[in-house]
Amino acid sequence: MCIRDRYKCVANRSDAFQECRVPELSGEQIQDHVTAALAEDIGEGDATTNALVDAQRYCQAHIVARESLTYCGQTLIETVFHRLDAEAIISHSHNDGDEVPAGAILATINASARAVLTGERTALNYAQRLSGVATQAARYVAAVSGTGVLLLDTRKTTPGWRDLEKYAVQCGGARNHRRGLDDMVMIKDNHLAALQGSNRIASAIAQCRAMHPNLKIEVEADTPIQARQAAEAGPDIILLDNMSLDELRESVALIDGRSQIEASGGVTLDTIRDIAQTGVHYISVGALTHSATSTDIALDLSLIHI
């Protein structure tokens, strides 16, 4: 199944976010991404490795976690080295989504020394970045543990890496919001600003439902008054944006179960639990992707032999 199909959110599934499970990245998608990444890094050839290392030399190398982390990037690492040495043997000690202690070996590679040295940076870039996103997501998930609130990502992803980063989010235990602009209707404040009339929220919801009857509809509310107006218009989800805790509680009471409720805007590890306890169903956090720090993962070359 194509990964894009796994992200579709439709109106008759009020639990669509709950139903999203870790998507399987397609083989073609991974191959294309790795091809572009290797071409970017290698260019006309690895000048240093080709000058210093005999083409017939083989080696063993370990991918090692230098810090505790939530692992992500297993298949990408494997693909990098198989693209450079079709006979490479990669054994995995951990799988995507595993909590890994510092010092743990993530994977062992037996392959051409040239392939290992040439592919090292690309493989580590994938593992470090994606494990960083997964680790960040796991921290936020732990922060709302026991509240019943579902943690969601956003579209604030690295261009060209969206599916990979959304996969990493799920490896960390969070879930995906929409993948792109076509997955669901998301009426934001700037959409409303472009409309005319006294009740722009109700008008916008009606227009979108008429044009996209099979898509889930979410509308943004910046104030409790807007939250009440939105609830009266009947969207599937109301997004309470950048509200204080008191405003969130008031908005939840005004919505009164008529729509599911998402909170977003300025959410941090220090504030997310208090937000989760206001009665919302979802919290979306752009920081899962846009502020994730790459984890410390290294490649140690050992046992070079002919």
Protein backbone atom coordinates (compact mmCIF):
# COMPACT_ATOMS: atom_id res chain seq x y z
CA MET A 1 0.00 0.00 0.00
CA CYS A 2 1.24 3.47 -0.84
CA ILE A 3 2.05 5.49 2.25
CA ARG A 4 -0.07 8.40 0.99
CA ASP A 5 -3.19 6.25 1.19
CA ARG A 6 -2.47 5.48 4.82
CA TYR A 7 -2.88 9.12 5.82
CA LYS A 8 -6.35 9.79 4.40
CA CYS A 9 -8.78 11.14 7.02
CA VAL A 10 -12.47 10.92 6.18
CA ALA A 11 -15.51 12.43 7.84
CA ASN A 12 -17.19 9.17 8.85
CA ARG A 13 -14.23 8.20 11.03
CA SER A 14 -14.35 10.40 14.13
CA ASP A 15 -11.50 8.32 15.50
CA ALA A 16 -9.33 8.72 12.39
CA PHE A 17 -6.32 9.88 14.38
CA GLN A 18 -6.74 6.92 16.72
CA GLU A 19 -6.84 4.56 13.77
CA CYS A 20 -3.58 5.85 12.26
CA ARG A 21 -0.89 3.34 13.03
CA VAL A 22 2.75 3.33 12.02
CA PRO A 23 2.71 3.49 8.21
CA GLU A 24 4.87 1.19 6.14
CA LEU A 25 7.18 3.24 3.94
CA SER A 26 7.02 1.80 0.44
CA GLY A 27 10.15 0.21 -1.00
CA GLU A 28 10.00 2.48 -4.04
CA GLN A 29 9.74 5.57 -1.87
CA ILE A 30 12.75 4.57 0.21
CA GLN A 31 14.81 3.69 -2.85
CA ASP A 32 14.05 7.04 -4.49
CA HIS A 33 14.92 8.98 -1.35
CA VAL A 34 18.19 7.10 -0.81
CA THR A 35 19.14 7.47 -4.48
CA ALA A 36 18.77 11.25 -4.24
CA ALA A 37 20.63 11.43 -0.93
CA LEU A 38 23.59 9.38 -2.19
CA ALA A 39 23.79 11.34 -5.43
CA GLU A 40 23.85 14.58 -3.43
CA ASP A 41 26.69 13.35 -1.20
CA ILE A 42 28.84 11.31 -3.59
CA GLY A 43 28.68 13.43 -6.71
CA GLU A 44 31.32 12.17 -9.17
CA GLY A 45 32.75 9.76 -6.60
CA ASP A 46 34.23 9.48 -3.11
CA ALA A 47 37.66 10.98 -3.85
CA THR A 48 39.22 10.15 -0.47
CA THR A 49 37.96 6.59 -0.08
CA ASN A 50 38.69 5.65 -3.69
CA ALA A 51 42.27 6.92 -3.33
CA LEU A 52 43.02 5.19 -0.02
CA VAL A 53 41.00 1.97 0.14
CA ASP A 54 41.44 -1.00 -2.17
CA ALA A 55 38.25 -2.01 -3.95
CA GLN A 56 38.70 -5.62 -2.79
CA ARG A 57 38.97 -4.81 0.91
CA TYR A 58 36.09 -5.78 3.18
CA CYS A 59 35.23 -4.74 6.70
CA GLN A 60 32.82 -4.93 9.58
CA ALA A 61 31.24 -1.85 11.09
CA HIS A 62 28.81 -1.12 13.91
CA ILE A 63 26.16 1.59 14.05
CA VAL A 64 26.20 2.66 17.71
CA ALA A 65 23.91 4.86 19.82
CA ARG A 66 26.05 7.33 21.77
CA GLU A 67 23.06 8.42 23.87
CA SER A 68 19.77 6.91 24.98
CA LEU A 69 17.16 7.37 22.25
CA THR A 70 14.09 6.09 20.47
CA TYR A 71 15.41 4.42 17.33
CA CYS A 72 14.23 5.10 13.80
CA GLY A 73 15.93 4.57 10.43
CA GLN A 74 16.53 0.85 10.27
CA THR A 75 15.37 0.28 6.68
CA LEU A 76 17.06 3.42 5.40
CA ILE A 77 20.43 2.37 6.83
CA GLU A 78 20.07 -1.01 5.20
CA THR A 79 19.08 0.51 1.86
CA VAL A 80 22.07 2.89 1.81
CA PHE A 81 24.62 0.12 2.20
CA HIS A 82 22.84 -2.29 -0.13
CA ARG A 83 22.81 0.38 -2.83
CA LEU A 84 26.60 0.67 -2.54
CA ASP A 85 27.29 -3.04 -2.07
CA ALA A 86 24.58 -5.44 -3.17
CA GLU A 87 26.31 -8.24 -1.24
CA ALA A 88 26.42 -6.34 2.05
CA ILE A 89 25.14 -8.22 5.09
CA ILE A 90 23.35 -6.03 7.63
CA SER A 91 22.12 -7.45 10.91
CA HIS A 92 19.90 -5.38 13.17
CA SER A 93 20.10 -5.46 16.94
CA HIS A 94 17.17 -3.07 17.38
CA ASN A 95 14.04 -2.19 15.43
CA ASP A 96 12.33 1.12 14.71
CA GLY A 97 10.46 2.33 17.78
CA ASP A 98 12.76 0.60 20.28
CA GLU A 99 13.97 2.51 23.33
CA VAL A 100 17.74 2.12 23.13
CA PRO A 101 20.31 2.81 25.87
CA ALA A 102 23.55 4.71 25.27
CA GLY A 103 26.28 2.44 23.95
CA ALA A 104 23.92 -0.02 22.28
CA ILE A 105 24.80 -1.44 18.86
CA LEU A 106 21.93 -0.68 16.49
CA ALA A 107 23.20 -2.57 13.45
CA THR A 108 26.25 -4.46 12.20
CA ILE A 109 27.41 -4.15 8.60
CA ASN A 110 29.69 -6.60 6.80
CA ALA A 111 30.47 -5.14 3.40
CA SER A 112 33.00 -3.60 1.07
CA ALA A 113 35.09 -1.08 3.02
CA ARG A 114 34.55 1.42 0.23
CA ALA A 115 30.78 1.03 0.50
CA VAL A 116 30.83 1.49 4.27
CA LEU A 117 33.05 4.58 4.18
CA THR A 118 31.15 6.15 1.28
CA GLY A 119 27.72 5.48 2.74
CA GLU A 120 28.56 6.32 6.34
CA ARG A 121 27.39 9.93 6.38
CA THR A 122 24.17 9.35 4.45
CA ALA A 123 23.19 6.40 6.65
CA LEU A 124 23.96 8.33 9.82
CA ASN A 125 22.08 11.41 8.59
CA TYR A 126 18.95 9.29 8.25
CA ALA A 127 19.36 7.55 11.61
CA GLN A 128 20.33 10.67 13.54
CA ARG A 129 17.55 12.86 12.17
CA LEU A 130 14.75 10.29 12.32
CA SER A 131 15.77 8.99 15.74
CA GLY A 132 15.80 12.62 16.89
CA VAL A 133 12.19 13.04 15.79
CA ALA A 134 11.16 9.70 17.33
CA THR A 135 12.92 10.56 20.58
CA GLN A 136 11.26 13.99 20.72
CA ALA A 137 7.86 12.42 20.10
CA ALA A 138 8.44 9.83 22.83
CA ARG A 139 9.21 12.58 25.35
CA TYR A 140 5.97 14.39 24.58
CA VAL A 141 3.97 11.17 24.66
CA ALA A 142 5.41 10.40 28.10
CA ALA A 143 4.43 13.88 29.28
CA VAL A 144 0.70 13.22 28.62
CA SER A 145 0.73 9.60 29.76
CA GLY A 146 -2.48 8.63 31.56
CA THR A 147 -4.50 11.65 30.40
CA GLY A 148 -6.15 9.93 27.45
CA VAL A 149 -5.06 12.72 25.12
CA LEU A 150 -3.64 11.76 21.75
CA LEU A 151 -0.51 13.59 20.59
CA LEU A 152 -0.40 14.70 16.94
CA ASP A 153 2.27 16.12 14.64
CA THR A 154 1.82 18.94 12.10
CA ARG A 155 2.91 19.82 8.54
CA LYS A 156 5.97 21.65 9.90
CA THR A 157 8.36 19.15 8.37
CA THR A 158 11.58 19.30 6.38
CA PRO A 159 10.76 19.66 2.65
CA GLY A 160 11.19 16.28 0.98
CA TRP A 161 11.28 14.45 4.31
CA ARG A 162 7.60 14.66 5.33
CA ASP A 163 6.72 10.97 5.06
CA LEU A 164 9.98 9.96 6.74
CA GLU A 165 9.49 12.39 9.62
CA LYS A 166 5.83 11.46 10.07
CA TYR A 167 6.92 7.82 10.18
CA ALA A 168 9.46 8.73 12.88
CA VAL A 169 6.75 10.54 14.86
CA GLN A 170 4.76 7.34 14.99
CA CYS A 171 7.83 5.34 15.98
CA GLY A 172 7.96 7.65 19.00
CA GLY A 173 4.38 6.79 19.93
CA ALA A 174 2.57 9.90 18.64
CA ARG A 175 0.18 9.99 15.69
CA ASN A 176 -0.09 11.87 12.41
CA HIS A 177 -2.39 14.77 11.64
CA ARG A 178 -3.03 15.36 7.93
CA ARG A 179 -0.20 14.57 5.54
CA GLY A 180 -0.98 17.37 3.11
CA LEU A 181 -3.58 19.88 2.03
CA ASP A 182 -5.75 17.26 0.31
CA ASP A 183 -6.21 14.85 3.23
CA MET A 184 -8.84 16.83 5.13
CA VAL A 185 -10.38 20.28 5.33
CA MET A 186 -8.58 22.57 7.76
CA ILE A 187 -10.20 26.02 8.01
CA LYS A 188 -7.72 28.43 9.57
CA ASP A 189 -7.91 32.07 10.60
CA ASN A 190 -6.50 33.32 7.29
CA HIS A 191 -9.15 31.37 5.37
CA LEU A 192 -11.82 33.07 7.47
CA ALA A 193 -10.19 36.46 6.94
CA ALA A 194 -10.61 36.01 3.19
CA LEU A 195 -14.39 35.55 3.55
CA GLN A 196 -17.21 38.03 4.04
CA GLY A 197 -20.34 37.87 6.16
CA SER A 198 -21.41 37.90 9.79
CA ASN A 199 -20.82 34.23 10.60
CA ARG A 200 -17.85 33.28 8.48
CA ILE A 201 -17.18 30.08 10.44
CA ALA A 202 -20.58 28.57 9.67
CA SER A 203 -20.37 29.71 6.05
CA ALA A 204 -16.91 28.23 5.59
CA ILE A 205 -17.92 24.88 7.08
CA ALA A 206 -21.04 24.69 4.91
CA GLN A 207 -19.10 25.50 1.72
CA CYS A 208 -16.38 22.97 2.47
CA ARG A 209 -18.84 20.23 3.39
CA ALA A 210 -20.73 20.80 0.15
CA MET A 211 -17.55 20.58 -1.93
CA HIS A 212 -15.84 17.79 0.06
CA PRO A 213 -18.57 15.62 1.61
CA ASN A 214 -16.19 12.74 2.31
CA LEU A 215 -13.43 14.67 4.05
CA LYS A 216 -13.11 15.35 7.74
CA ILE A 217 -13.59 19.05 8.53
CA GLU A 218 -11.61 20.89 11.18
CA VAL A 219 -11.93 24.59 11.97
CA GLU A 220 -9.64 26.84 13.99
CA ALA A 221 -10.98 28.96 16.84
CA ASP A 222 -8.90 31.66 18.50
CA THR A 223 -11.40 32.59 21.23
CA PRO A 224 -14.12 30.84 23.27
CA ILE A 225 -16.73 32.81 21.30
CA GLN A 226 -15.37 31.38 18.05
CA ALA A 227 -15.29 27.92 19.63
CA ARG A 228 -19.02 28.21 20.41
CA GLN A 229 -19.78 29.44 16.88
CA ALA A 230 -17.79 26.57 15.44
CA ALA A 231 -19.57 23.98 17.59
CA GLU A 232 -22.94 25.29 16.42
CA ALA A 233 -21.85 24.81 12.79
CA GLY A 234 -20.97 21.15 13.37
CA PRO A 235 -17.38 20.46 12.23
CA ASP A 236 -15.74 17.16 13.06
CA ILE A 237 -12.91 18.80 15.03
CA ILE A 238 -12.40 22.26 16.52
CA LEU A 239 -8.83 23.45 16.89
CA LEU A 240 -8.34 25.75 19.90
CA ASP A 241 -5.34 27.81 18.90
CA ASN A 242 -2.98 29.59 21.29
CA MET A 243 -5.47 29.75 24.12
CA SER A 244 -4.72 30.10 27.82
CA LEU A 245 -5.67 27.25 30.15
CA ASP A 246 -8.75 29.15 31.32
CA GLU A 247 -9.79 29.81 27.71
CA LEU A 248 -9.31 26.15 26.86
CA ARG A 249 -11.51 25.05 29.77
CA GLU A 250 -14.19 27.60 28.83
CA SER A 251 -14.11 26.52 25.18
CA VAL A 252 -14.38 22.84 26.09
CA ALA A 253 -17.47 23.64 28.17
CA LEU A 254 -19.03 25.71 25.35
CA ILE A 255 -18.40 23.00 22.75
CA ASP A 256 -20.07 20.56 25.14
CA GLY A 257 -19.26 17.37 23.25
CA ARG A 258 -20.59 18.53 19.87
CA SER A 259 -17.17 18.16 18.19
CA GLN A 260 -13.86 16.63 19.02
CA ILE A 261 -11.34 19.14 20.30
CA GLU A 262 -7.70 19.74 19.46
CA ALA A 263 -5.38 22.20 21.20
CA SER A 264 -2.33 23.70 19.56
CA GLY A 265 0.03 26.65 19.63
CA GLY A 266 3.06 27.22 21.83
CA VAL A 267 2.91 23.75 23.38
CA THR A 268 6.07 22.73 25.25
CA LEU A 269 7.10 19.84 27.47
CA ASP A 270 6.53 22.13 30.45
CA THR A 271 2.96 23.06 29.48
CA ILE A 272 1.56 20.05 27.66
CA ARG A 273 0.28 18.10 30.67
CA ASP A 274 -1.72 21.06 31.98
CA ILE A 275 -3.19 21.49 28.49
CA ALA A 276 -4.05 17.80 28.35
CA GLN A 277 -6.01 18.10 31.58
CA THR A 278 -8.39 20.79 30.23
CA GLY A 279 -10.63 18.24 28.50
CA VAL A 280 -9.29 18.33 24.93
CA HIS A 281 -9.00 15.14 22.88
CA TYR A 282 -5.87 15.94 20.88
CA ILE A 283 -2.81 18.16 21.17
CA SER A 284 -0.81 18.95 18.04
CA VAL A 285 2.83 19.91 18.45
CA GLY A 286 4.95 21.33 15.63
CA ALA A 287 8.05 20.87 17.77
CA LEU A 288 7.89 17.10 17.21
CA THR A 289 9.47 17.75 13.82
CA HIS A 290 10.60 21.35 13.46
CA SER A 291 12.53 21.45 16.73
CA ALA A 292 13.75 17.87 17.08
CA THR A 293 17.50 17.60 17.69
CA SER A 294 19.41 14.89 15.84
CA THR A 295 20.57 12.13 18.15
CA ASP A 296 24.20 11.10 18.60
CA ILE A 297 24.70 7.96 16.50
CA ALA A 298 28.09 6.88 15.17
CA LEU A 299 29.63 4.31 12.88
CA ASP A 300 32.65 2.40 14.22
CA LEU A 301 34.74 0.60 11.65
CA SER A 302 36.45 -2.56 12.84
CA LEU A 303 37.98 -5.80 11.62
CA ILE A 304 39.19 -4.75 8.18
CA HIS A 305 40.26 -7.83 6.26
CA ILE A 306 40.99 -9.03 2.75
